[in-house]
Amino acid sequence: MSNYIAQQVAEMKRKLEKEATNIYTIHPRKSELILLYEVVDESGRAEWGGASAEQAIQWLTLAPANARLLVSAWDSDEEDAHLVGQTIDITEIVQQAREIGR
């Protein structure tokens, strides 16, 4: 059964990749942006911050119940870093992924 599922997933991936070449997008395939993850408490005070998604998830797991995981994208020149867009709360996505993985 799992071989069948793997074949179906591979076929869907091939179809999506083929369709993606026909879709106009304004997003580059690979971004040079720096991702910053922050675990914040319920009042928005940072408990941890860094560039490691794995560490961010570990900190979120150990944080109080109402903690949130935020991600922001930064562009940097040689002197300054600039926030690109808005910070996004990905707490629910991480929690749902954790539930599915159990």
PDB file of N, CA and C in Angstrom:
ATOM      1  N   MET A   1       0.813  -1.188   0.000  1.00  0.00           N
ATOM      2  CA  MET A   1       0.000   0.000   0.000  1.00  0.00           C
ATOM      3  C   MET A   1       0.861   1.258   0.000  1.00  0.00           C
ATOM      4  N   SER A   2       1.938   1.282   0.824  1.00  0.00           N
ATOM      5  CA  SER A   2       2.770   2.477   0.904  1.00  0.00           C
ATOM      6  C   SER A   2       3.498   2.731  -0.413  1.00  0.00           C
ATOM      7  N   ASN A   3       3.823   1.675  -1.166  1.00  0.00           N
ATOM      8  CA  ASN A   3       4.443   1.842  -2.479  1.00  0.00           C
ATOM      9  C   ASN A   3       3.465   2.520  -3.433  1.00  0.00           C
ATOM     10  N   TYR A   4       2.197   2.131  -3.356  1.00  0.00           N
ATOM     11  CA  TYR A   4       1.160   2.750  -4.180  1.00  0.00           C
ATOM     12  C   TYR A   4       1.044   4.233  -3.859  1.00  0.00           C
ATOM     13  N   ILE A   5       1.035   4.571  -2.573  1.00  0.00           N
ATOM     14  CA  ILE A   5       0.937   5.974  -2.157  1.00  0.00           C
ATOM     15  C   ILE A   5       2.157   6.751  -2.645  1.00  0.00           C
ATOM     16  N   ALA A   6       3.332   6.164  -2.512  1.00  0.00           N
ATOM     17  CA  ALA A   6       4.558   6.836  -2.969  1.00  0.00           C
ATOM     18  C   ALA A   6       4.492   7.103  -4.472  1.00  0.00           C
ATOM     19  N   GLN A   7       3.970   6.150  -5.242  1.00  0.00           N
ATOM     20  CA  GLN A   7       3.827   6.341  -6.682  1.00  0.00           C
ATOM     21  C   GLN A   7       2.833   7.457  -6.990  1.00  0.00           C
ATOM     22  N   GLN A   8       1.722   7.498  -6.246  1.00  0.00           N
ATOM     23  CA  GLN A   8       0.717   8.540  -6.458  1.00  0.00           C
ATOM     24  C   GLN A   8       1.274   9.918  -6.125  1.00  0.00           C
ATOM     25  N   VAL A   9       2.036  10.005  -5.042  1.00  0.00           N
ATOM     26  CA  VAL A   9       2.642  11.275  -4.656  1.00  0.00           C
ATOM     27  C   VAL A   9       3.649  11.728  -5.715  1.00  0.00           C
ATOM     28  N   ALA A  10       4.457  10.808  -6.199  1.00  0.00           N
ATOM     29  CA  ALA A  10       5.430  11.140  -7.237  1.00  0.00           C
ATOM     30  C   ALA A  10       4.742  11.623  -8.509  1.00  0.00           C
ATOM     31  N   GLU A  11       3.650  10.978  -8.884  1.00  0.00           N
ATOM     32  CA  GLU A  11       2.900  11.386 -10.074  1.00  0.00           C
ATOM     33  C   GLU A  11       2.288  12.774  -9.889  1.00  0.00           C
ATOM     34  N   MET A  12       1.721  13.023  -8.725  1.00  0.00           N
ATOM     35  CA  MET A  12       1.152  14.346  -8.448  1.00  0.00           C
ATOM     36  C   MET A  12       2.229  15.418  -8.483  1.00  0.00           C
ATOM     37  N   LYS A  13       3.396  15.102  -7.931  1.00  0.00           N
ATOM     38  CA  LYS A  13       4.509  16.053  -7.930  1.00  0.00           C
ATOM     39  C   LYS A  13       4.937  16.381  -9.357  1.00  0.00           C
ATOM     40  N   ARG A  14       5.042  15.365 -10.212  1.00  0.00           N
ATOM     41  CA  ARG A  14       5.411  15.605 -11.621  1.00  0.00           C
ATOM     42  C   ARG A  14       4.381  16.501 -12.299  1.00  0.00           C
ATOM     43  N   LYS A  15       3.096  16.247 -12.061  1.00  0.00           N
ATOM     44  CA  LYS A  15       2.045  17.073 -12.661  1.00  0.00           C
ATOM     45  C   LYS A  15       2.121  18.511 -12.178  1.00  0.00           C
ATOM     46  N   LEU A  16       2.327  18.689 -10.870  1.00  0.00           N
ATOM     47  CA  LEU A  16       2.415  20.047 -10.318  1.00  0.00           C
ATOM     48  C   LEU A  16       3.625  20.796 -10.861  1.00  0.00           C
ATOM     49  N   GLU A  17       4.753  20.108 -10.981  1.00  0.00           N
ATOM     50  CA  GLU A  17       5.954  20.751 -11.517  1.00  0.00           C
ATOM     51  C   GLU A  17       5.744  21.162 -12.969  1.00  0.00           C
ATOM     52  N   LYS A  18       5.051  20.302 -13.731  1.00  0.00           N
ATOM     53  CA  LYS A  18       4.761  20.622 -15.126  1.00  0.00           C
ATOM     54  C   LYS A  18       3.829  21.826 -15.214  1.00  0.00           C
ATOM     55  N   GLU A  19       2.784  21.853 -14.361  1.00  0.00           N
ATOM     56  CA  GLU A  19       1.844  22.969 -14.351  1.00  0.00           C
ATOM     57  C   GLU A  19       2.507  24.251 -13.869  1.00  0.00           C
ATOM     58  N   ALA A  20       3.440  24.128 -12.933  1.00  0.00           N
ATOM     59  CA  ALA A  20       4.092  25.306 -12.364  1.00  0.00           C
ATOM     60  C   ALA A  20       4.888  26.076 -13.415  1.00  0.00           C
ATOM     61  N   THR A  21       5.338  25.397 -14.441  1.00  0.00           N
ATOM     62  CA  THR A  21       6.092  26.098 -15.487  1.00  0.00           C
ATOM     63  C   THR A  21       5.184  26.987 -16.323  1.00  0.00           C
ATOM     64  N   ASN A  22       3.873  26.763 -16.248  1.00  0.00           N
ATOM     65  CA  ASN A  22       2.918  27.569 -16.998  1.00  0.00           C
ATOM     66  C   ASN A  22       2.317  28.700 -16.170  1.00  0.00           C
ATOM     67  N   ILE A  23       2.684  28.787 -14.906  1.00  0.00           N
ATOM     68  CA  ILE A  23       2.119  29.791 -14.015  1.00  0.00           C
ATOM     69  C   ILE A  23       3.113  30.935 -13.853  1.00  0.00           C
ATOM     70  N   TYR A  24       2.606  32.160 -14.031  1.00  0.00           N
ATOM     71  CA  TYR A  24       3.443  33.337 -13.818  1.00  0.00           C
ATOM     72  C   TYR A  24       3.538  33.589 -12.320  1.00  0.00           C
ATOM     73  N   THR A  25       4.728  33.799 -11.836  1.00  0.00           N
ATOM     74  CA  THR A  25       4.910  34.069 -10.417  1.00  0.00           C
ATOM     75  C   THR A  25       5.861  35.241 -10.235  1.00  0.00           C
ATOM     76  N   ILE A  26       5.612  36.015  -9.189  1.00  0.00           N
ATOM     77  CA  ILE A  26       6.505  37.132  -8.898  1.00  0.00           C
ATOM     78  C   ILE A  26       7.538  36.738  -7.844  1.00  0.00           C
ATOM     79  N   HIS A  27       7.449  35.513  -7.343  1.00  0.00           N
ATOM     80  CA  HIS A  27       8.373  35.064  -6.314  1.00  0.00           C
ATOM     81  C   HIS A  27       9.529  34.285  -6.946  1.00  0.00           C
ATOM     82  N   PRO A  28      10.744  34.595  -6.562  1.00  0.00           N
ATOM     83  CA  PRO A  28      11.878  33.826  -7.086  1.00  0.00           C
ATOM     84  C   PRO A  28      11.881  32.419  -6.498  1.00  0.00           C
ATOM     85  N   ARG A  29      12.473  31.484  -7.211  1.00  0.00           N
ATOM     86  CA  ARG A  29      12.527  30.102  -6.723  1.00  0.00           C
ATOM     87  C   ARG A  29      13.373  29.992  -5.450  1.00  0.00           C
ATOM     88  N   LYS A  30      14.504  30.694  -5.391  1.00  0.00           N
ATOM     89  CA  LYS A  30      15.361  30.657  -4.213  1.00  0.00           C
ATOM     90  C   LYS A  30      15.549  32.074  -3.716  1.00  0.00           C
ATOM     91  N   SER A  31      15.291  32.257  -2.456  1.00  0.00           N
ATOM     92  CA  SER A  31      15.378  33.587  -1.879  1.00  0.00           C
ATOM     93  C   SER A  31      16.676  33.744  -1.094  1.00  0.00           C
ATOM     94  N   GLU A  32      17.252  34.908  -1.178  1.00  0.00           N
ATOM     95  CA  GLU A  32      18.446  35.223  -0.409  1.00  0.00           C
ATOM     96  C   GLU A  32      18.084  35.864   0.930  1.00  0.00           C
ATOM     97  N   LEU A  33      16.794  35.923   1.235  1.00  0.00           N
ATOM     98  CA  LEU A  33      16.362  36.534   2.481  1.00  0.00           C
ATOM     99  C   LEU A  33      16.803  35.698   3.684  1.00  0.00           C
ATOM    100  N   ILE A  34      17.019  36.368   4.780  1.00  0.00           N
ATOM    101  CA  ILE A  34      17.387  35.724   6.036  1.00  0.00           C
ATOM    102  C   ILE A  34      16.102  35.557   6.840  1.00  0.00           C
ATOM    103  N   LEU A  35      15.831  34.335   7.295  1.00  0.00           N
ATOM    104  CA  LEU A  35      14.641  34.082   8.101  1.00  0.00           C
ATOM    105  C   LEU A  35      15.009  34.145   9.580  1.00  0.00           C
ATOM    106  N   LEU A  36      14.230  34.904  10.328  1.00  0.00           N
ATOM    107  CA  LEU A  36      14.423  35.025  11.772  1.00  0.00           C
ATOM    108  C   LEU A  36      13.196  34.446  12.460  1.00  0.00           C
ATOM    109  N   TYR A  37      13.422  33.500  13.354  1.00  0.00           N
ATOM    110  CA  TYR A  37      12.353  32.881  14.127  1.00  0.00           C
ATOM    111  C   TYR A  37      12.390  33.458  15.537  1.00  0.00           C
ATOM    112  N   GLU A  38      11.211  33.716  16.096  1.00  0.00           N
ATOM    113  CA  GLU A  38      11.120  34.227  17.463  1.00  0.00           C
ATOM    114  C   GLU A  38      10.024  33.497  18.211  1.00  0.00           C
ATOM    115  N   VAL A  39      10.328  33.061  19.411  1.00  0.00           N
ATOM    116  CA  VAL A  39       9.318  32.516  20.306  1.00  0.00           C
ATOM    117  C   VAL A  39       9.006  33.635  21.290  1.00  0.00           C
ATOM    118  N   VAL A  40       7.735  34.034  21.337  1.00  0.00           N
ATOM    119  CA  VAL A  40       7.316  35.135  22.197  1.00  0.00           C
ATOM    120  C   VAL A  40       6.265  34.652  23.188  1.00  0.00           C
ATOM    121  N   ASP A  41       6.241  35.277  24.372  1.00  0.00           N
ATOM    122  CA  ASP A  41       5.219  34.925  25.351  1.00  0.00           C
ATOM    123  C   ASP A  41       3.901  35.597  24.989  1.00  0.00           C
ATOM    124  N   GLU A  42       2.879  35.399  25.805  1.00  0.00           N
ATOM    125  CA  GLU A  42       1.555  35.911  25.453  1.00  0.00           C
ATOM    126  C   GLU A  42       1.493  37.435  25.389  1.00  0.00           C
ATOM    127  N   SER A  43       2.440  38.128  26.025  1.00  0.00           N
ATOM    128  CA  SER A  43       2.462  39.590  25.948  1.00  0.00           C
ATOM    129  C   SER A  43       3.327  40.089  24.792  1.00  0.00           C
ATOM    130  N   GLY A  44       3.931  39.166  24.036  1.00  0.00           N
ATOM    131  CA  GLY A  44       4.737  39.548  22.879  1.00  0.00           C
ATOM    132  C   GLY A  44       6.211  39.745  23.181  1.00  0.00           C
ATOM    133  N   ARG A  45       6.619  39.456  24.400  1.00  0.00           N
ATOM    134  CA  ARG A  45       8.023  39.594  24.784  1.00  0.00           C
ATOM    135  C   ARG A  45       8.810  38.388  24.271  1.00  0.00           C
ATOM    136  N   ALA A  46       9.922  38.647  23.619  1.00  0.00           N
ATOM    137  CA  ALA A  46      10.730  37.572  23.032  1.00  0.00           C
ATOM    138  C   ALA A  46      11.367  36.704  24.118  1.00  0.00           C
ATOM    139  N   GLU A  47      11.165  35.389  23.988  1.00  0.00           N
ATOM    140  CA  GLU A  47      11.806  34.415  24.868  1.00  0.00           C
ATOM    141  C   GLU A  47      13.059  33.848  24.210  1.00  0.00           C
ATOM    142  N   TRP A  48      13.020  33.754  22.894  1.00  0.00           N
ATOM    143  CA  TRP A  48      14.147  33.225  22.109  1.00  0.00           C
ATOM    144  C   TRP A  48      14.054  33.774  20.698  1.00  0.00           C
ATOM    145  N   GLY A  49      15.188  33.937  20.056  1.00  0.00           N
ATOM    146  CA  GLY A  49      15.221  34.347  18.656  1.00  0.00           C
ATOM    147  C   GLY A  49      16.463  33.798  17.985  1.00  0.00           C
ATOM    148  N   GLY A  50      16.333  33.426  16.713  1.00  0.00           N
ATOM    149  CA  GLY A  50      17.471  32.908  15.977  1.00  0.00           C
ATOM    150  C   GLY A  50      17.084  32.478  14.581  1.00  0.00           C
ATOM    151  N   ALA A  51      18.049  31.933  13.850  1.00  0.00           N
ATOM    152  CA  ALA A  51      17.846  31.554  12.457  1.00  0.00           C
ATOM    153  C   ALA A  51      17.571  30.064  12.271  1.00  0.00           C
ATOM    154  N   SER A  52      17.522  29.303  13.354  1.00  0.00           N
ATOM    155  CA  SER A  52      17.320  27.858  13.261  1.00  0.00           C
ATOM    156  C   SER A  52      15.850  27.499  13.485  1.00  0.00           C
ATOM    157  N   ALA A  53      15.210  26.939  12.457  1.00  0.00           N
ATOM    158  CA  ALA A  53      13.820  26.499  12.584  1.00  0.00           C
ATOM    159  C   ALA A  53      13.714  25.370  13.614  1.00  0.00           C
ATOM    160  N   GLU A  54      14.683  24.475  13.618  1.00  0.00           N
ATOM    161  CA  GLU A  54      14.661  23.348  14.556  1.00  0.00           C
ATOM    162  C   GLU A  54      14.717  23.837  16.003  1.00  0.00           C
ATOM    163  N   GLN A  55      15.621  24.770  16.293  1.00  0.00           N
ATOM    164  CA  GLN A  55      15.712  25.305  17.645  1.00  0.00           C
ATOM    165  C   GLN A  55      14.456  26.076  18.026  1.00  0.00           C
ATOM    166  N   ALA A  56      13.879  26.783  17.065  1.00  0.00           N
ATOM    167  CA  ALA A  56      12.651  27.534  17.328  1.00  0.00           C
ATOM    168  C   ALA A  56      11.531  26.599  17.767  1.00  0.00           C
ATOM    169  N   ILE A  57      11.403  25.473  17.090  1.00  0.00           N
ATOM    170  CA  ILE A  57      10.362  24.506  17.439  1.00  0.00           C
ATOM    171  C   ILE A  57      10.641  23.887  18.808  1.00  0.00           C
ATOM    172  N   GLN A  58      11.905  23.630  19.104  1.00  0.00           N
ATOM    173  CA  GLN A  58      12.255  23.106  20.426  1.00  0.00           C
ATOM    174  C   GLN A  58      11.897  24.109  21.521  1.00  0.00           C
ATOM    175  N   TRP A  59      12.207  25.384  21.296  1.00  0.00           N
ATOM    176  CA  TRP A  59      11.871  26.419  22.268  1.00  0.00           C
ATOM    177  C   TRP A  59      10.362  26.547  22.421  1.00  0.00           C
ATOM    178  N   LEU A  60       9.627  26.484  21.336  1.00  0.00           N
ATOM    179  CA  LEU A  60       8.166  26.568  21.405  1.00  0.00           C
ATOM    180  C   LEU A  60       7.604  25.415  22.234  1.00  0.00           C
ATOM    181  N   THR A  61       8.168  24.235  22.073  1.00  0.00           N
ATOM    182  CA  THR A  61       7.723  23.062  22.816  1.00  0.00           C
ATOM    183  C   THR A  61       7.913  23.252  24.317  1.00  0.00           C
ATOM    184  N   LEU A  62       8.990  23.919  24.703  1.00  0.00           N
ATOM    185  CA  LEU A  62       9.295  24.121  26.121  1.00  0.00           C
ATOM    186  C   LEU A  62       8.667  25.386  26.702  1.00  0.00           C
ATOM    187  N   ALA A  63       8.139  26.236  25.857  1.00  0.00           N
ATOM    188  CA  ALA A  63       7.597  27.527  26.283  1.00  0.00           C
ATOM    189  C   ALA A  63       6.232  27.360  26.955  1.00  0.00           C
ATOM    190  N   PRO A  64       5.795  28.391  27.688  1.00  0.00           N
ATOM    191  CA  PRO A  64       4.451  28.349  28.289  1.00  0.00           C
ATOM    192  C   PRO A  64       3.363  28.149  27.231  1.00  0.00           C
ATOM    193  N   ALA A  65       2.188  27.746  27.677  1.00  0.00           N
ATOM    194  CA  ALA A  65       1.098  27.351  26.784  1.00  0.00           C
ATOM    195  C   ALA A  65       0.704  28.409  25.754  1.00  0.00           C
ATOM    196  N   ASN A  66       0.715  29.663  26.090  1.00  0.00           N
ATOM    197  CA  ASN A  66       0.256  30.704  25.163  1.00  0.00           C
ATOM    198  C   ASN A  66       1.380  31.325  24.333  1.00  0.00           C
ATOM    199  N   ALA A  67       2.543  30.699  24.322  1.00  0.00           N
ATOM    200  CA  ALA A  67       3.658  31.217  23.527  1.00  0.00           C
ATOM    201  C   ALA A  67       3.340  31.069  22.046  1.00  0.00           C
ATOM    202  N   ARG A  68       3.955  31.926  21.234  1.00  0.00           N
ATOM    203  CA  ARG A  68       3.750  31.887  19.788  1.00  0.00           C
ATOM    204  C   ARG A  68       5.103  31.823  19.087  1.00  0.00           C
ATOM    205  N   LEU A  69       5.099  31.257  17.880  1.00  0.00           N
ATOM    206  CA  LEU A  69       6.300  31.206  17.052  1.00  0.00           C
ATOM    207  C   LEU A  69       6.085  32.118  15.855  1.00  0.00           C
ATOM    208  N   LEU A  70       6.943  33.113  15.740  1.00  0.00           N
ATOM    209  CA  LEU A  70       6.853  34.093  14.660  1.00  0.00           C
ATOM    210  C   LEU A  70       8.035  33.916  13.728  1.00  0.00           C
ATOM    211  N   VAL A  71       7.823  34.201  12.448  1.00  0.00           N
ATOM    212  CA  VAL A  71       8.918  34.171  11.480  1.00  0.00           C
ATOM    213  C   VAL A  71       8.871  35.459  10.669  1.00  0.00           C
ATOM    214  N   SER A  72      10.036  36.017  10.433  1.00  0.00           N
ATOM    215  CA  SER A  72      10.146  37.227   9.622  1.00  0.00           C
ATOM    216  C   SER A  72      11.287  37.063   8.637  1.00  0.00           C
ATOM    217  N   ALA A  73      11.163  37.740   7.515  1.00  0.00           N
ATOM    218  CA  ALA A  73      12.185  37.678   6.465  1.00  0.00           C
ATOM    219  C   ALA A  73      12.938  39.005   6.441  1.00  0.00           C
ATOM    220  N   TRP A  74      14.236  38.916   6.335  1.00  0.00           N
ATOM    221  CA  TRP A  74      15.089  40.096   6.369  1.00  0.00           C
ATOM    222  C   TRP A  74      16.021  40.109   5.167  1.00  0.00           C
ATOM    223  N   ASP A  75      16.203  41.288   4.625  1.00  0.00           N
ATOM    224  CA  ASP A  75      17.175  41.518   3.554  1.00  0.00           C
ATOM    225  C   ASP A  75      18.329  42.273   4.198  1.00  0.00           C
ATOM    226  N   SER A  76      19.531  41.960   3.810  1.00  0.00           N
ATOM    227  CA  SER A  76      20.669  42.589   4.461  1.00  0.00           C
ATOM    228  C   SER A  76      21.690  43.048   3.438  1.00  0.00           C
ATOM    229  N   ASP A  77      22.165  44.268   3.641  1.00  0.00           N
ATOM    230  CA  ASP A  77      23.328  44.720   2.881  1.00  0.00           C
ATOM    231  C   ASP A  77      24.509  44.630   3.846  1.00  0.00           C
ATOM    232  N   GLU A  78      25.592  45.243   3.525  1.00  0.00           N
ATOM    233  CA  GLU A  78      26.776  45.099   4.364  1.00  0.00           C
ATOM    234  C   GLU A  78      26.640  45.796   5.715  1.00  0.00           C
ATOM    235  N   GLU A  79      25.739  46.765   5.838  1.00  0.00           N
ATOM    236  CA  GLU A  79      25.643  47.528   7.071  1.00  0.00           C
ATOM    237  C   GLU A  79      24.347  47.308   7.844  1.00  0.00           C
ATOM    238  N   ASP A  80      23.229  47.203   7.150  1.00  0.00           N
ATOM    239  CA  ASP A  80      21.929  47.150   7.824  1.00  0.00           C
ATOM    240  C   ASP A  80      21.103  45.969   7.346  1.00  0.00           C
ATOM    241  N   ALA A  81      20.169  45.577   8.205  1.00  0.00           N
ATOM    242  CA  ALA A  81      19.173  44.575   7.838  1.00  0.00           C
ATOM    243  C   ALA A  81      17.822  45.272   7.773  1.00  0.00           C
ATOM    244  N   HIS A  82      16.997  44.842   6.825  1.00  0.00           N
ATOM    245  CA  HIS A  82      15.694  45.462   6.613  1.00  0.00           C
ATOM    246  C   HIS A  82      14.620  44.387   6.583  1.00  0.00           C
ATOM    247  N   LEU A  83      13.561  44.604   7.371  1.00  0.00           N
ATOM    248  CA  LEU A  83      12.438  43.680   7.388  1.00  0.00           C
ATOM    249  C   LEU A  83      11.721  43.729   6.041  1.00  0.00           C
ATOM    250  N   VAL A  84      11.423  42.549   5.494  1.00  0.00           N
ATOM    251  CA  VAL A  84      10.712  42.450   4.223  1.00  0.00           C
ATOM    252  C   VAL A  84       9.322  41.909   4.528  1.00  0.00           C
ATOM    253  N   GLY A  85       8.304  42.711   4.293  1.00  0.00           N
ATOM    254  CA  GLY A  85       6.941  42.272   4.577  1.00  0.00           C
ATOM    255  C   GLY A  85       6.636  42.324   6.060  1.00  0.00           C
ATOM    256  N   GLN A  86       5.694  41.485   6.479  1.00  0.00           N
ATOM    257  CA  GLN A  86       5.264  41.460   7.871  1.00  0.00           C
ATOM    258  C   GLN A  86       5.686  40.162   8.537  1.00  0.00           C
ATOM    259  N   THR A  87       5.841  40.221   9.831  1.00  0.00           N
ATOM    260  CA  THR A  87       6.125  39.023  10.610  1.00  0.00           C
ATOM    261  C   THR A  87       4.880  38.137  10.594  1.00  0.00           C
ATOM    262  N   ILE A  88       5.093  36.833  10.478  1.00  0.00           N
ATOM    263  CA  ILE A  88       3.990  35.878  10.365  1.00  0.00           C
ATOM    264  C   ILE A  88       3.996  34.948  11.578  1.00  0.00           C
ATOM    265  N   ASP A  89       2.830  34.737  12.161  1.00  0.00           N
ATOM    266  CA  ASP A  89       2.662  33.817  13.278  1.00  0.00           C
ATOM    267  C   ASP A  89       2.433  32.418  12.698  1.00  0.00           C
ATOM    268  N   ILE A  90       3.381  31.508  12.919  1.00  0.00           N
ATOM    269  CA  ILE A  90       3.278  30.148  12.366  1.00  0.00           C
ATOM    270  C   ILE A  90       3.003  29.103  13.445  1.00  0.00           C
ATOM    271  N   THR A  91       2.585  29.562  14.623  1.00  0.00           N
ATOM    272  CA  THR A  91       2.341  28.657  15.748  1.00  0.00           C
ATOM    273  C   THR A  91       1.355  27.550  15.383  1.00  0.00           C
ATOM    274  N   GLU A  92       0.230  27.919  14.797  1.00  0.00           N
ATOM    275  CA  GLU A  92      -0.810  26.925  14.490  1.00  0.00           C
ATOM    276  C   GLU A  92      -0.316  25.906  13.464  1.00  0.00           C
ATOM    277  N   ILE A  93       0.450  26.358  12.485  1.00  0.00           N
ATOM    278  CA  ILE A  93       0.988  25.441  11.472  1.00  0.00           C
ATOM    279  C   ILE A  93       1.894  24.407  12.129  1.00  0.00           C
ATOM    280  N   VAL A  94       2.775  24.862  13.016  1.00  0.00           N
ATOM    281  CA  VAL A  94       3.691  23.954  13.700  1.00  0.00           C
ATOM    282  C   VAL A  94       2.912  22.980  14.572  1.00  0.00           C
ATOM    283  N   GLN A  95       1.921  23.475  15.308  1.00  0.00           N
ATOM    284  CA  GLN A  95       1.132  22.598  16.167  1.00  0.00           C
ATOM    285  C   GLN A  95       0.357  21.566  15.360  1.00  0.00           C
ATOM    286  N   GLN A  96      -0.217  21.962  14.238  1.00  0.00           N
ATOM    287  CA  GLN A  96      -0.946  21.011  13.396  1.00  0.00           C
ATOM    288  C   GLN A  96      -0.006  19.960  12.803  1.00  0.00           C
ATOM    289  N   ALA A  97       1.170  20.380  12.392  1.00  0.00           N
ATOM    290  CA  ALA A  97       2.152  19.429  11.859  1.00  0.00           C
ATOM    291  C   ALA A  97       2.563  18.433  12.927  1.00  0.00           C
ATOM    292  N   ARG A  98       2.714  18.909  14.144  1.00  0.00           N
ATOM    293  CA  ARG A  98       3.066  18.031  15.258  1.00  0.00           C
ATOM    294  C   ARG A  98       1.955  17.006  15.508  1.00  0.00           C
ATOM    295  N   GLU A  99       0.692  17.456  15.444  1.00  0.00           N
ATOM    296  CA  GLU A  99      -0.447  16.551  15.654  1.00  0.00           C
ATOM    297  C   GLU A  99      -0.514  15.485  14.561  1.00  0.00           C
ATOM    298  N   ILE A 100      -0.294  15.884  13.326  1.00  0.00           N
ATOM    299  CA  ILE A 100      -0.335  14.935  12.212  1.00  0.00           C
ATOM    300  C   ILE A 100       0.790  13.923  12.331  1.00  0.00           C
ATOM    301  N   GLY A 101       1.941  14.348  12.825  1.00  0.00           N
ATOM    302  CA  GLY A 101       3.095  13.461  12.953  1.00  0.00           C
ATOM    303  C   GLY A 101       2.987  12.439  14.057  1.00  0.00           C
ATOM    304  N   ARG A 102       2.027  12.606  14.935  1.00  0.00           N
ATOM    305  CA  ARG A 102       1.902  11.644  16.065  1.00  0.00           C
ATOM    306  C   ARG A 102       1.301  10.351  15.665  1.00  0.00           C
TER     307      ARG A 102
END
